[in-house]
Amino acid sequence: MSIEAAREFRSFVKGSAKLEQAVGKLLDEYGLLNIQETIKLGAQYGYTFNETDIEAIFANDNEELTDFEQEMISAGLPINSSSGATEMS
């Protein structure tokens, strides 16, 4: 598992409107991003990462956000992880 794989998957998603839509569908009725399903989606494309890796890239990454990511953050949408919801920052 690696933060680098999570970053690479994030870049991969940024390059595809279809994948951005797929990630958007991983939001539940409360607007929480389902981390486990995001991990599974990444695995379908050969990226292996875990919950901690995803949280780390949003917390520590200075890379420019996509419009989709900016909308999620500006709306204050938390990430739904197996241990509960975590605010994205």
N, C-alpha and C. Protein backbone atom coordinates (compact mmCIF):
# COMPACT_ATOMS: atom_id res chain seq x y z
N MET A 1 0.85 -1.16 0.00
CA MET A 1 0.00 0.00 0.00
C MET A 1 0.90 1.23 0.00
N SER A 2 0.43 2.25 -0.68
CA SER A 2 1.31 3.40 -0.69
C SER A 2 0.58 4.69 -1.00
N ILE A 3 1.09 5.73 -0.40
CA ILE A 3 0.57 7.06 -0.67
C ILE A 3 0.82 7.39 -2.14
N GLU A 4 1.96 6.96 -2.65
CA GLU A 4 2.28 7.24 -4.06
C GLU A 4 1.25 6.61 -4.99
N ALA A 5 0.81 5.39 -4.70
CA ALA A 5 -0.21 4.74 -5.53
C ALA A 5 -1.52 5.52 -5.46
N ALA A 6 -1.86 6.03 -4.28
CA ALA A 6 -3.08 6.83 -4.13
C ALA A 6 -2.96 8.12 -4.94
N ARG A 7 -1.79 8.75 -4.91
CA ARG A 7 -1.57 9.97 -5.71
C ARG A 7 -1.67 9.66 -7.21
N GLU A 8 -1.08 8.55 -7.61
CA GLU A 8 -1.13 8.17 -9.02
C GLU A 8 -2.57 7.90 -9.45
N PHE A 9 -3.34 7.23 -8.60
CA PHE A 9 -4.74 6.98 -8.92
C PHE A 9 -5.51 8.29 -9.02
N ARG A 10 -5.23 9.21 -8.10
CA ARG A 10 -5.88 10.52 -8.13
C ARG A 10 -5.59 11.21 -9.47
N SER A 11 -4.35 11.19 -9.92
CA SER A 11 -3.98 11.79 -11.20
C SER A 11 -4.68 11.07 -12.35
N PHE A 12 -4.75 9.76 -12.25
CA PHE A 12 -5.43 8.95 -13.26
C PHE A 12 -6.90 9.36 -13.36
N VAL A 13 -7.55 9.54 -12.21
CA VAL A 13 -8.95 9.94 -12.18
C VAL A 13 -9.12 11.34 -12.77
N LYS A 14 -8.20 12.24 -12.44
CA LYS A 14 -8.26 13.61 -12.96
C LYS A 14 -8.25 13.64 -14.48
N GLY A 15 -7.63 12.66 -15.09
CA GLY A 15 -7.52 12.62 -16.54
C GLY A 15 -8.74 12.02 -17.23
N SER A 16 -9.75 11.68 -16.47
CA SER A 16 -10.91 11.00 -17.06
C SER A 16 -12.21 11.49 -16.43
N ALA A 17 -13.03 12.15 -17.24
CA ALA A 17 -14.34 12.60 -16.75
C ALA A 17 -15.18 11.39 -16.32
N LYS A 18 -15.02 10.28 -17.03
CA LYS A 18 -15.77 9.06 -16.71
C LYS A 18 -15.40 8.56 -15.30
N LEU A 19 -14.10 8.56 -14.99
CA LEU A 19 -13.67 8.11 -13.66
C LEU A 19 -14.07 9.11 -12.58
N GLU A 20 -14.03 10.41 -12.88
CA GLU A 20 -14.49 11.39 -11.90
C GLU A 20 -15.96 11.14 -11.57
N GLN A 21 -16.75 10.81 -12.59
CA GLN A 21 -18.16 10.48 -12.35
C GLN A 21 -18.28 9.22 -11.50
N ALA A 22 -17.43 8.24 -11.76
CA ALA A 22 -17.46 6.99 -10.99
C ALA A 22 -17.16 7.27 -9.53
N VAL A 23 -16.17 8.12 -9.27
CA VAL A 23 -15.84 8.47 -7.89
C VAL A 23 -17.00 9.26 -7.27
N GLY A 24 -17.61 10.14 -8.05
CA GLY A 24 -18.77 10.90 -7.56
C GLY A 24 -19.91 9.99 -7.12
N LYS A 25 -20.04 8.86 -7.79
CA LYS A 25 -21.08 7.90 -7.44
C LYS A 25 -20.77 7.16 -6.14
N LEU A 26 -19.55 7.31 -5.64
CA LEU A 26 -19.17 6.66 -4.39
C LEU A 26 -19.56 7.49 -3.17
N LEU A 27 -20.22 8.62 -3.41
CA LEU A 27 -20.75 9.42 -2.30
C LEU A 27 -22.06 8.80 -1.85
N ASP A 28 -22.25 8.69 -0.55
CA ASP A 28 -23.50 8.13 -0.06
C ASP A 28 -24.55 9.24 0.07
N GLU A 29 -25.70 8.90 0.61
CA GLU A 29 -26.81 9.86 0.72
C GLU A 29 -26.49 11.05 1.62
N TYR A 30 -25.43 10.95 2.40
CA TYR A 30 -25.03 12.05 3.28
C TYR A 30 -23.86 12.84 2.70
N GLY A 31 -23.44 12.48 1.49
CA GLY A 31 -22.32 13.17 0.86
C GLY A 31 -20.97 12.69 1.33
N LEU A 32 -20.92 11.52 1.94
CA LEU A 32 -19.67 10.95 2.43
C LEU A 32 -19.05 10.07 1.36
N LEU A 33 -17.74 10.24 1.13
CA LEU A 33 -17.03 9.42 0.17
C LEU A 33 -16.74 8.06 0.79
N ASN A 34 -17.17 7.01 0.14
CA ASN A 34 -16.95 5.66 0.63
C ASN A 34 -15.52 5.23 0.30
N ILE A 35 -14.69 5.24 1.31
CA ILE A 35 -13.27 4.93 1.14
C ILE A 35 -13.06 3.50 0.64
N GLN A 36 -13.76 2.55 1.22
CA GLN A 36 -13.55 1.15 0.83
C GLN A 36 -13.88 0.93 -0.64
N GLU A 37 -14.94 1.57 -1.13
CA GLU A 37 -15.29 1.45 -2.54
C GLU A 37 -14.28 2.18 -3.43
N THR A 38 -13.72 3.27 -2.93
CA THR A 38 -12.68 3.99 -3.67
C THR A 38 -11.44 3.12 -3.79
N ILE A 39 -11.10 2.42 -2.72
CA ILE A 39 -9.96 1.50 -2.73
C ILE A 39 -10.21 0.38 -3.75
N LYS A 40 -11.43 -0.15 -3.79
CA LYS A 40 -11.78 -1.20 -4.75
C LYS A 40 -11.70 -0.68 -6.18
N LEU A 41 -12.18 0.54 -6.41
CA LEU A 41 -12.12 1.14 -7.74
C LEU A 41 -10.66 1.29 -8.18
N GLY A 42 -9.83 1.77 -7.28
CA GLY A 42 -8.41 1.89 -7.59
C GLY A 42 -7.80 0.55 -7.94
N ALA A 43 -8.16 -0.48 -7.19
CA ALA A 43 -7.62 -1.82 -7.43
C ALA A 43 -8.01 -2.35 -8.80
N GLN A 44 -9.22 -1.98 -9.27
CA GLN A 44 -9.66 -2.41 -10.60
C GLN A 44 -8.73 -1.88 -11.69
N TYR A 45 -8.06 -0.78 -11.40
CA TYR A 45 -7.15 -0.18 -12.36
C TYR A 45 -5.68 -0.40 -11.99
N GLY A 46 -5.43 -1.30 -11.02
CA GLY A 46 -4.07 -1.68 -10.68
C GLY A 46 -3.39 -0.82 -9.62
N TYR A 47 -4.15 -0.01 -8.89
CA TYR A 47 -3.58 0.86 -7.86
C TYR A 47 -3.91 0.27 -6.50
N THR A 48 -2.88 0.06 -5.68
CA THR A 48 -3.06 -0.52 -4.35
C THR A 48 -2.73 0.52 -3.29
N PHE A 49 -3.73 0.91 -2.52
CA PHE A 49 -3.57 1.89 -1.44
C PHE A 49 -4.63 1.62 -0.39
N ASN A 50 -4.49 2.28 0.76
CA ASN A 50 -5.44 2.05 1.85
C ASN A 50 -6.06 3.37 2.30
N GLU A 51 -6.88 3.29 3.31
CA GLU A 51 -7.60 4.44 3.86
C GLU A 51 -6.65 5.55 4.31
N THR A 52 -5.61 5.17 5.00
CA THR A 52 -4.64 6.15 5.49
C THR A 52 -3.96 6.89 4.33
N ASP A 53 -3.68 6.17 3.26
CA ASP A 53 -3.06 6.79 2.08
C ASP A 53 -3.98 7.84 1.46
N ILE A 54 -5.25 7.52 1.34
CA ILE A 54 -6.22 8.48 0.76
C ILE A 54 -6.32 9.72 1.64
N GLU A 55 -6.46 9.51 2.93
CA GLU A 55 -6.56 10.66 3.84
C GLU A 55 -5.31 11.52 3.78
N ALA A 56 -4.14 10.89 3.65
CA ALA A 56 -2.88 11.62 3.61
C ALA A 56 -2.76 12.50 2.37
N ILE A 57 -3.21 12.00 1.22
CA ILE A 57 -3.05 12.83 0.02
C ILE A 57 -3.94 14.05 0.06
N PHE A 58 -5.10 13.95 0.70
CA PHE A 58 -5.96 15.13 0.81
C PHE A 58 -5.47 16.08 1.90
N ALA A 59 -4.87 15.55 2.94
CA ALA A 59 -4.41 16.38 4.05
C ALA A 59 -3.08 17.06 3.76
N ASN A 60 -2.20 16.41 2.99
CA ASN A 60 -0.83 16.90 2.84
C ASN A 60 -0.42 17.25 1.42
N ASP A 61 -1.32 17.13 0.47
CA ASP A 61 -0.95 17.33 -0.92
C ASP A 61 -1.23 18.76 -1.35
N ASN A 62 -0.26 19.39 -1.97
CA ASN A 62 -0.41 20.75 -2.46
C ASN A 62 -0.75 20.78 -3.95
N GLU A 63 -1.00 19.62 -4.54
CA GLU A 63 -1.34 19.54 -5.95
C GLU A 63 -2.67 20.26 -6.20
N GLU A 64 -2.81 20.86 -7.35
CA GLU A 64 -4.03 21.58 -7.69
C GLU A 64 -5.21 20.61 -7.70
N LEU A 65 -6.31 21.05 -7.09
CA LEU A 65 -7.50 20.21 -7.01
C LEU A 65 -8.33 20.35 -8.28
N THR A 66 -9.02 19.27 -8.63
CA THR A 66 -9.96 19.33 -9.74
C THR A 66 -11.20 20.09 -9.29
N ASP A 67 -12.02 20.49 -10.25
CA ASP A 67 -13.28 21.15 -9.91
C ASP A 67 -14.12 20.26 -9.00
N PHE A 68 -14.14 18.96 -9.29
CA PHE A 68 -14.89 18.01 -8.50
C PHE A 68 -14.39 17.99 -7.06
N GLU A 69 -13.06 17.93 -6.88
CA GLU A 69 -12.49 17.91 -5.53
C GLU A 69 -12.76 19.22 -4.81
N GLN A 70 -12.67 20.35 -5.53
CA GLN A 70 -12.94 21.64 -4.91
C GLN A 70 -14.39 21.73 -4.44
N GLU A 71 -15.30 21.21 -5.24
CA GLU A 71 -16.71 21.21 -4.84
C GLU A 71 -16.92 20.38 -3.58
N MET A 72 -16.26 19.22 -3.51
CA MET A 72 -16.40 18.36 -2.33
C MET A 72 -15.87 19.06 -1.09
N ILE A 73 -14.71 19.68 -1.22
CA ILE A 73 -14.09 20.33 -0.06
C ILE A 73 -14.85 21.58 0.34
N SER A 74 -15.25 22.39 -0.63
CA SER A 74 -15.96 23.62 -0.29
C SER A 74 -17.31 23.33 0.35
N ALA A 75 -17.87 22.17 0.03
CA ALA A 75 -19.13 21.78 0.65
C ALA A 75 -18.89 21.17 2.03
N GLY A 76 -17.62 20.98 2.38
CA GLY A 76 -17.28 20.41 3.69
C GLY A 76 -17.61 18.94 3.78
N LEU A 77 -17.55 18.24 2.65
CA LEU A 77 -17.91 16.83 2.67
C LEU A 77 -16.82 16.00 3.32
N PRO A 78 -17.18 15.22 4.31
CA PRO A 78 -16.21 14.35 4.97
C PRO A 78 -16.00 13.07 4.17
N ILE A 79 -14.99 12.32 4.55
CA ILE A 79 -14.71 11.03 3.94
C ILE A 79 -15.28 9.96 4.85
N ASN A 80 -16.01 9.01 4.29
CA ASN A 80 -16.59 7.92 5.06
C ASN A 80 -15.59 6.77 5.07
N SER A 81 -15.00 6.53 6.22
CA SER A 81 -14.05 5.43 6.35
C SER A 81 -14.63 4.36 7.25
N SER A 82 -13.96 3.25 7.34
CA SER A 82 -14.46 2.15 8.16
C SER A 82 -14.53 2.54 9.64
N SER A 83 -13.76 3.56 10.02
CA SER A 83 -13.75 3.97 11.43
C SER A 83 -14.63 5.20 11.66
N GLY A 84 -15.39 5.60 10.68
CA GLY A 84 -16.25 6.78 10.83
C GLY A 84 -15.91 7.82 9.78
N ALA A 85 -16.53 8.96 9.86
CA ALA A 85 -16.32 10.02 8.88
C ALA A 85 -15.20 10.94 9.32
N THR A 86 -14.44 11.38 8.35
CA THR A 86 -13.33 12.27 8.61
C THR A 86 -13.47 13.47 7.69
N GLU A 87 -13.35 14.67 8.23
CA GLU A 87 -13.41 15.87 7.41
C GLU A 87 -12.20 15.92 6.50
N MET A 88 -12.43 16.27 5.24
CA MET A 88 -11.31 16.47 4.33
C MET A 88 -10.84 17.89 4.51
N SER A 89 -9.53 18.10 4.44
CA SER A 89 -9.02 19.47 4.57
C SER A 89 -8.07 19.78 3.46
